[in-house]
Amino acid sequence: MDKPTNVLSFPSGGPMTLNSEPVSLGDIVICAPVIRREAAEQGKVARAHWAHMVVHGVLHLLGYDHESERDAVVMEKLEAKLLASQGFPDPYQLKESARR
C-alpha cells in the first residue's frame, strides 16, 4: 500500500504453541493520525476505534485475514464479538448505519 494505513501487523514467524510462558506473536503498528481521521470521518468514538485496530491487528497476527469475502465475514464477526466482550460497539454496524 502506497499510502498511510491504520494498522500493520508483523508476525514474529515463531511457533504459536502456548505453555506457561508468554508467546510473542509479533508486532502491531497503529498510525495515530489515521485513527483520529477515520474515527472523525466514521462518527466513531476514538477509544472504540483504537480498540478495534488493536483487535484487528492481533487477529492478523493469529492468521486471520480479509482477502476474500468469506474470510472478511469470519474476521469481522470475530472482531465484533471480541469488542463486545470489552464493552465496545460493533464497528461494522456503525459503518453500515453511516452509509444510510
N, C-alpha and C. Protein backbone atom coordinates (compact mmCIF):
# COMPACT_ATOMS: atom_id res chain seq x y z
N MET A 1 0.86 -1.17 0.00
CA MET A 1 0.00 0.00 0.00
C MET A 1 0.90 1.23 0.00
N ASP A 2 0.64 2.12 -0.93
CA ASP A 2 1.48 3.30 -1.07
C ASP A 2 0.81 4.53 -0.46
N LYS A 3 0.31 4.37 0.75
CA LYS A 3 -0.29 5.49 1.49
C LYS A 3 -0.37 5.08 2.95
N PRO A 4 -0.55 6.06 3.84
CA PRO A 4 -0.68 5.70 5.25
C PRO A 4 -1.89 4.79 5.47
N THR A 5 -1.75 3.86 6.37
CA THR A 5 -2.85 2.95 6.71
C THR A 5 -3.06 2.98 8.21
N ASN A 6 -4.15 2.40 8.68
CA ASN A 6 -4.47 2.48 10.10
C ASN A 6 -3.67 1.51 10.95
N VAL A 7 -3.49 0.26 10.51
CA VAL A 7 -2.79 -0.72 11.34
C VAL A 7 -2.01 -1.68 10.45
N LEU A 8 -0.83 -2.03 10.90
CA LEU A 8 0.01 -3.03 10.24
C LEU A 8 0.41 -4.06 11.29
N SER A 9 0.43 -5.32 10.86
CA SER A 9 0.83 -6.41 11.74
C SER A 9 2.02 -7.13 11.13
N PHE A 10 3.01 -7.42 11.97
CA PHE A 10 4.23 -8.10 11.54
C PHE A 10 4.40 -9.36 12.39
N PRO A 11 3.98 -10.51 11.86
CA PRO A 11 4.09 -11.76 12.63
C PRO A 11 5.55 -12.08 12.95
N SER A 12 5.78 -12.66 14.12
CA SER A 12 7.15 -13.00 14.52
C SER A 12 7.68 -14.18 13.74
N GLY A 13 6.78 -15.00 13.22
CA GLY A 13 7.22 -16.17 12.48
C GLY A 13 7.57 -17.35 13.36
N GLY A 14 7.56 -17.14 14.66
CA GLY A 14 7.87 -18.21 15.60
C GLY A 14 6.67 -19.10 15.83
N PRO A 15 6.89 -20.21 16.51
CA PRO A 15 5.76 -21.11 16.80
C PRO A 15 4.78 -20.45 17.75
N MET A 16 3.51 -20.75 17.58
CA MET A 16 2.48 -20.17 18.43
C MET A 16 1.99 -21.19 19.44
N THR A 17 2.85 -22.09 19.88
CA THR A 17 2.45 -23.05 20.91
C THR A 17 2.44 -22.33 22.24
N LEU A 18 1.39 -22.56 22.98
CA LEU A 18 1.25 -21.92 24.29
C LEU A 18 1.60 -22.91 25.39
N ASN A 19 2.38 -22.45 26.32
CA ASN A 19 2.67 -23.23 27.53
C ASN A 19 2.61 -22.23 28.68
N SER A 20 3.38 -22.41 29.68
CA SER A 20 3.31 -21.50 30.82
C SER A 20 4.04 -20.18 30.56
N GLU A 21 4.75 -20.09 29.46
CA GLU A 21 5.48 -18.86 29.12
C GLU A 21 4.71 -18.04 28.08
N PRO A 22 4.79 -16.70 28.17
CA PRO A 22 4.15 -15.86 27.15
C PRO A 22 4.79 -16.11 25.78
N VAL A 23 3.99 -16.01 24.74
CA VAL A 23 4.45 -16.21 23.38
C VAL A 23 4.32 -14.88 22.64
N SER A 24 5.38 -14.46 21.98
CA SER A 24 5.33 -13.25 21.17
C SER A 24 4.77 -13.59 19.81
N LEU A 25 3.63 -12.99 19.47
CA LEU A 25 3.01 -13.24 18.17
C LEU A 25 3.62 -12.36 17.09
N GLY A 26 4.17 -11.22 17.49
CA GLY A 26 4.73 -10.28 16.53
C GLY A 26 4.51 -8.86 17.01
N ASP A 27 4.53 -7.95 16.06
CA ASP A 27 4.38 -6.53 16.37
C ASP A 27 3.19 -5.94 15.62
N ILE A 28 2.59 -4.95 16.25
CA ILE A 28 1.49 -4.21 15.63
C ILE A 28 1.89 -2.73 15.64
N VAL A 29 1.71 -2.08 14.51
CA VAL A 29 1.96 -0.64 14.40
C VAL A 29 0.65 0.03 14.03
N ILE A 30 0.25 1.01 14.85
CA ILE A 30 -1.01 1.73 14.62
C ILE A 30 -0.66 3.19 14.37
N CYS A 31 -1.21 3.75 13.30
CA CYS A 31 -0.92 5.14 12.92
C CYS A 31 -1.95 6.08 13.56
N ALA A 32 -1.53 6.80 14.58
CA ALA A 32 -2.43 7.67 15.34
C ALA A 32 -3.15 8.71 14.47
N PRO A 33 -2.46 9.42 13.56
CA PRO A 33 -3.19 10.40 12.74
C PRO A 33 -4.28 9.77 11.87
N VAL A 34 -4.02 8.59 11.35
CA VAL A 34 -5.03 7.92 10.52
C VAL A 34 -6.21 7.49 11.40
N ILE A 35 -5.93 6.99 12.60
CA ILE A 35 -7.00 6.57 13.51
C ILE A 35 -7.87 7.77 13.88
N ARG A 36 -7.26 8.89 14.20
CA ARG A 36 -8.03 10.10 14.54
C ARG A 36 -8.92 10.53 13.36
N ARG A 37 -8.35 10.55 12.17
CA ARG A 37 -9.10 10.97 10.98
C ARG A 37 -10.25 9.99 10.69
N GLU A 38 -9.96 8.70 10.72
CA GLU A 38 -11.00 7.71 10.45
C GLU A 38 -12.14 7.78 11.47
N ALA A 39 -11.78 7.91 12.73
CA ALA A 39 -12.81 7.98 13.77
C ALA A 39 -13.73 9.17 13.53
N ALA A 40 -13.14 10.32 13.20
CA ALA A 40 -13.95 11.51 12.93
C ALA A 40 -14.81 11.33 11.69
N GLU A 41 -14.24 10.81 10.62
CA GLU A 41 -14.98 10.60 9.37
C GLU A 41 -16.11 9.59 9.53
N GLN A 42 -15.89 8.58 10.34
CA GLN A 42 -16.86 7.50 10.51
C GLN A 42 -17.80 7.71 11.69
N GLY A 43 -17.64 8.83 12.40
CA GLY A 43 -18.50 9.13 13.54
C GLY A 43 -18.33 8.16 14.69
N LYS A 44 -17.10 7.67 14.87
CA LYS A 44 -16.80 6.71 15.93
C LYS A 44 -16.09 7.40 17.09
N VAL A 45 -16.29 6.87 18.28
CA VAL A 45 -15.53 7.32 19.44
C VAL A 45 -14.08 6.85 19.23
N ALA A 46 -13.13 7.75 19.40
CA ALA A 46 -11.73 7.42 19.13
C ALA A 46 -11.26 6.19 19.92
N ARG A 47 -11.65 6.10 21.18
CA ARG A 47 -11.24 4.96 22.02
C ARG A 47 -11.73 3.64 21.44
N ALA A 48 -12.95 3.63 20.92
CA ALA A 48 -13.51 2.42 20.32
C ALA A 48 -12.78 2.06 19.03
N HIS A 49 -12.41 3.07 18.25
CA HIS A 49 -11.68 2.80 17.01
C HIS A 49 -10.28 2.27 17.31
N TRP A 50 -9.64 2.82 18.34
CA TRP A 50 -8.33 2.29 18.77
C TRP A 50 -8.47 0.82 19.19
N ALA A 51 -9.49 0.52 19.97
CA ALA A 51 -9.70 -0.86 20.41
C ALA A 51 -9.90 -1.78 19.21
N HIS A 52 -10.66 -1.31 18.24
CA HIS A 52 -10.89 -2.10 17.02
C HIS A 52 -9.58 -2.38 16.30
N MET A 53 -8.73 -1.39 16.18
CA MET A 53 -7.47 -1.59 15.47
C MET A 53 -6.53 -2.55 16.21
N VAL A 54 -6.56 -2.51 17.54
CA VAL A 54 -5.74 -3.47 18.31
C VAL A 54 -6.26 -4.89 18.07
N VAL A 55 -7.57 -5.08 18.16
CA VAL A 55 -8.16 -6.40 17.93
C VAL A 55 -7.87 -6.85 16.50
N HIS A 56 -8.05 -5.97 15.54
CA HIS A 56 -7.82 -6.28 14.13
C HIS A 56 -6.37 -6.72 13.91
N GLY A 57 -5.44 -5.96 14.48
CA GLY A 57 -4.03 -6.30 14.34
C GLY A 57 -3.67 -7.63 14.97
N VAL A 58 -4.19 -7.90 16.15
CA VAL A 58 -3.91 -9.17 16.83
C VAL A 58 -4.48 -10.34 16.03
N LEU A 59 -5.67 -10.17 15.49
CA LEU A 59 -6.25 -11.25 14.67
C LEU A 59 -5.38 -11.54 13.45
N HIS A 60 -4.82 -10.50 12.85
CA HIS A 60 -3.88 -10.73 11.74
C HIS A 60 -2.68 -11.55 12.22
N LEU A 61 -2.17 -11.23 13.41
CA LEU A 61 -1.04 -12.00 13.95
C LEU A 61 -1.41 -13.45 14.20
N LEU A 62 -2.68 -13.70 14.46
CA LEU A 62 -3.15 -15.06 14.70
C LEU A 62 -3.51 -15.80 13.41
N GLY A 63 -3.33 -15.11 12.28
CA GLY A 63 -3.52 -15.77 10.99
C GLY A 63 -4.81 -15.44 10.26
N TYR A 64 -5.65 -14.60 10.83
CA TYR A 64 -6.88 -14.20 10.15
C TYR A 64 -6.56 -13.15 9.10
N ASP A 65 -7.37 -13.14 8.03
CA ASP A 65 -7.24 -12.07 7.04
C ASP A 65 -8.60 -11.77 6.44
N HIS A 66 -8.63 -10.82 5.54
CA HIS A 66 -9.88 -10.41 4.91
C HIS A 66 -9.68 -10.27 3.41
N GLU A 67 -8.88 -11.17 2.86
CA GLU A 67 -8.59 -11.15 1.43
C GLU A 67 -9.79 -11.60 0.60
N SER A 68 -10.55 -12.54 1.09
CA SER A 68 -11.76 -12.98 0.38
C SER A 68 -12.98 -12.51 1.17
N GLU A 69 -14.12 -12.46 0.51
CA GLU A 69 -15.36 -12.05 1.18
C GLU A 69 -15.67 -12.97 2.35
N ARG A 70 -15.47 -14.27 2.14
CA ARG A 70 -15.74 -15.26 3.20
C ARG A 70 -14.84 -15.02 4.40
N ASP A 71 -13.54 -14.83 4.15
CA ASP A 71 -12.60 -14.57 5.24
C ASP A 71 -12.92 -13.26 5.95
N ALA A 72 -13.34 -12.26 5.19
CA ALA A 72 -13.69 -10.96 5.79
C ALA A 72 -14.88 -11.10 6.73
N VAL A 73 -15.88 -11.88 6.33
CA VAL A 73 -17.07 -12.07 7.17
C VAL A 73 -16.67 -12.76 8.47
N VAL A 74 -15.85 -13.79 8.37
CA VAL A 74 -15.40 -14.52 9.56
C VAL A 74 -14.64 -13.58 10.49
N MET A 75 -13.70 -12.81 9.93
CA MET A 75 -12.88 -11.92 10.75
C MET A 75 -13.71 -10.81 11.37
N GLU A 76 -14.61 -10.22 10.61
CA GLU A 76 -15.45 -9.14 11.13
C GLU A 76 -16.36 -9.62 12.26
N LYS A 77 -16.92 -10.81 12.13
CA LYS A 77 -17.77 -11.34 13.20
C LYS A 77 -16.97 -11.57 14.47
N LEU A 78 -15.75 -12.09 14.32
CA LEU A 78 -14.91 -12.32 15.48
C LEU A 78 -14.49 -10.99 16.11
N GLU A 79 -14.15 -10.01 15.29
CA GLU A 79 -13.82 -8.68 15.82
C GLU A 79 -14.98 -8.12 16.63
N ALA A 80 -16.18 -8.19 16.06
CA ALA A 80 -17.36 -7.65 16.75
C ALA A 80 -17.58 -8.36 18.08
N LYS A 81 -17.42 -9.69 18.09
CA LYS A 81 -17.62 -10.46 19.32
C LYS A 81 -16.59 -10.08 20.38
N LEU A 82 -15.32 -9.98 19.99
CA LEU A 82 -14.26 -9.62 20.94
C LEU A 82 -14.44 -8.20 21.46
N LEU A 83 -14.80 -7.28 20.58
CA LEU A 83 -15.02 -5.90 21.01
C LEU A 83 -16.22 -5.81 21.95
N ALA A 84 -17.29 -6.53 21.65
CA ALA A 84 -18.48 -6.52 22.52
C ALA A 84 -18.14 -7.04 23.90
N SER A 85 -17.24 -8.03 23.97
CA SER A 85 -16.86 -8.58 25.28
C SER A 85 -16.13 -7.55 26.13
N GLN A 86 -15.64 -6.50 25.48
CA GLN A 86 -14.95 -5.42 26.19
C GLN A 86 -15.81 -4.16 26.29
N GLY A 87 -17.05 -4.26 25.88
CA GLY A 87 -17.98 -3.13 26.01
C GLY A 87 -17.95 -2.14 24.86
N PHE A 88 -17.37 -2.54 23.72
CA PHE A 88 -17.31 -1.65 22.56
C PHE A 88 -18.36 -2.06 21.53
N PRO A 89 -18.87 -1.08 20.77
CA PRO A 89 -19.88 -1.40 19.76
C PRO A 89 -19.26 -2.12 18.56
N ASP A 90 -20.10 -2.76 17.80
CA ASP A 90 -19.69 -3.43 16.56
C ASP A 90 -19.27 -2.35 15.56
N PRO A 91 -17.99 -2.29 15.18
CA PRO A 91 -17.54 -1.23 14.28
C PRO A 91 -18.14 -1.35 12.88
N TYR A 92 -18.57 -2.53 12.51
CA TYR A 92 -19.13 -2.72 11.18
C TYR A 92 -20.60 -2.32 11.14
N GLN A 93 -21.31 -2.40 12.26
CA GLN A 93 -22.68 -1.89 12.34
C GLN A 93 -22.66 -0.39 12.19
N LEU A 94 -21.69 0.26 12.85
CA LEU A 94 -21.58 1.72 12.76
C LEU A 94 -21.32 2.14 11.32
N LYS A 95 -20.47 1.37 10.63
CA LYS A 95 -20.14 1.69 9.24
C LYS A 95 -21.38 1.54 8.36
N GLU A 96 -22.17 0.50 8.59
CA GLU A 96 -23.39 0.28 7.81
C GLU A 96 -24.40 1.39 8.05
N SER A 97 -24.58 1.80 9.31
CA SER A 97 -25.58 2.83 9.61
C SER A 97 -25.14 4.18 9.07
N ALA A 98 -23.83 4.43 8.96
CA ALA A 98 -23.33 5.68 8.41
C ALA A 98 -23.60 5.77 6.91
N ARG A 99 -23.71 4.63 6.23
CA ARG A 99 -23.94 4.60 4.78
C ARG A 99 -25.40 4.95 4.44
N ARG A 100 -26.31 4.78 5.37
CA ARG A 100 -27.75 5.00 5.09
C ARG A 100 -28.10 6.45 5.08
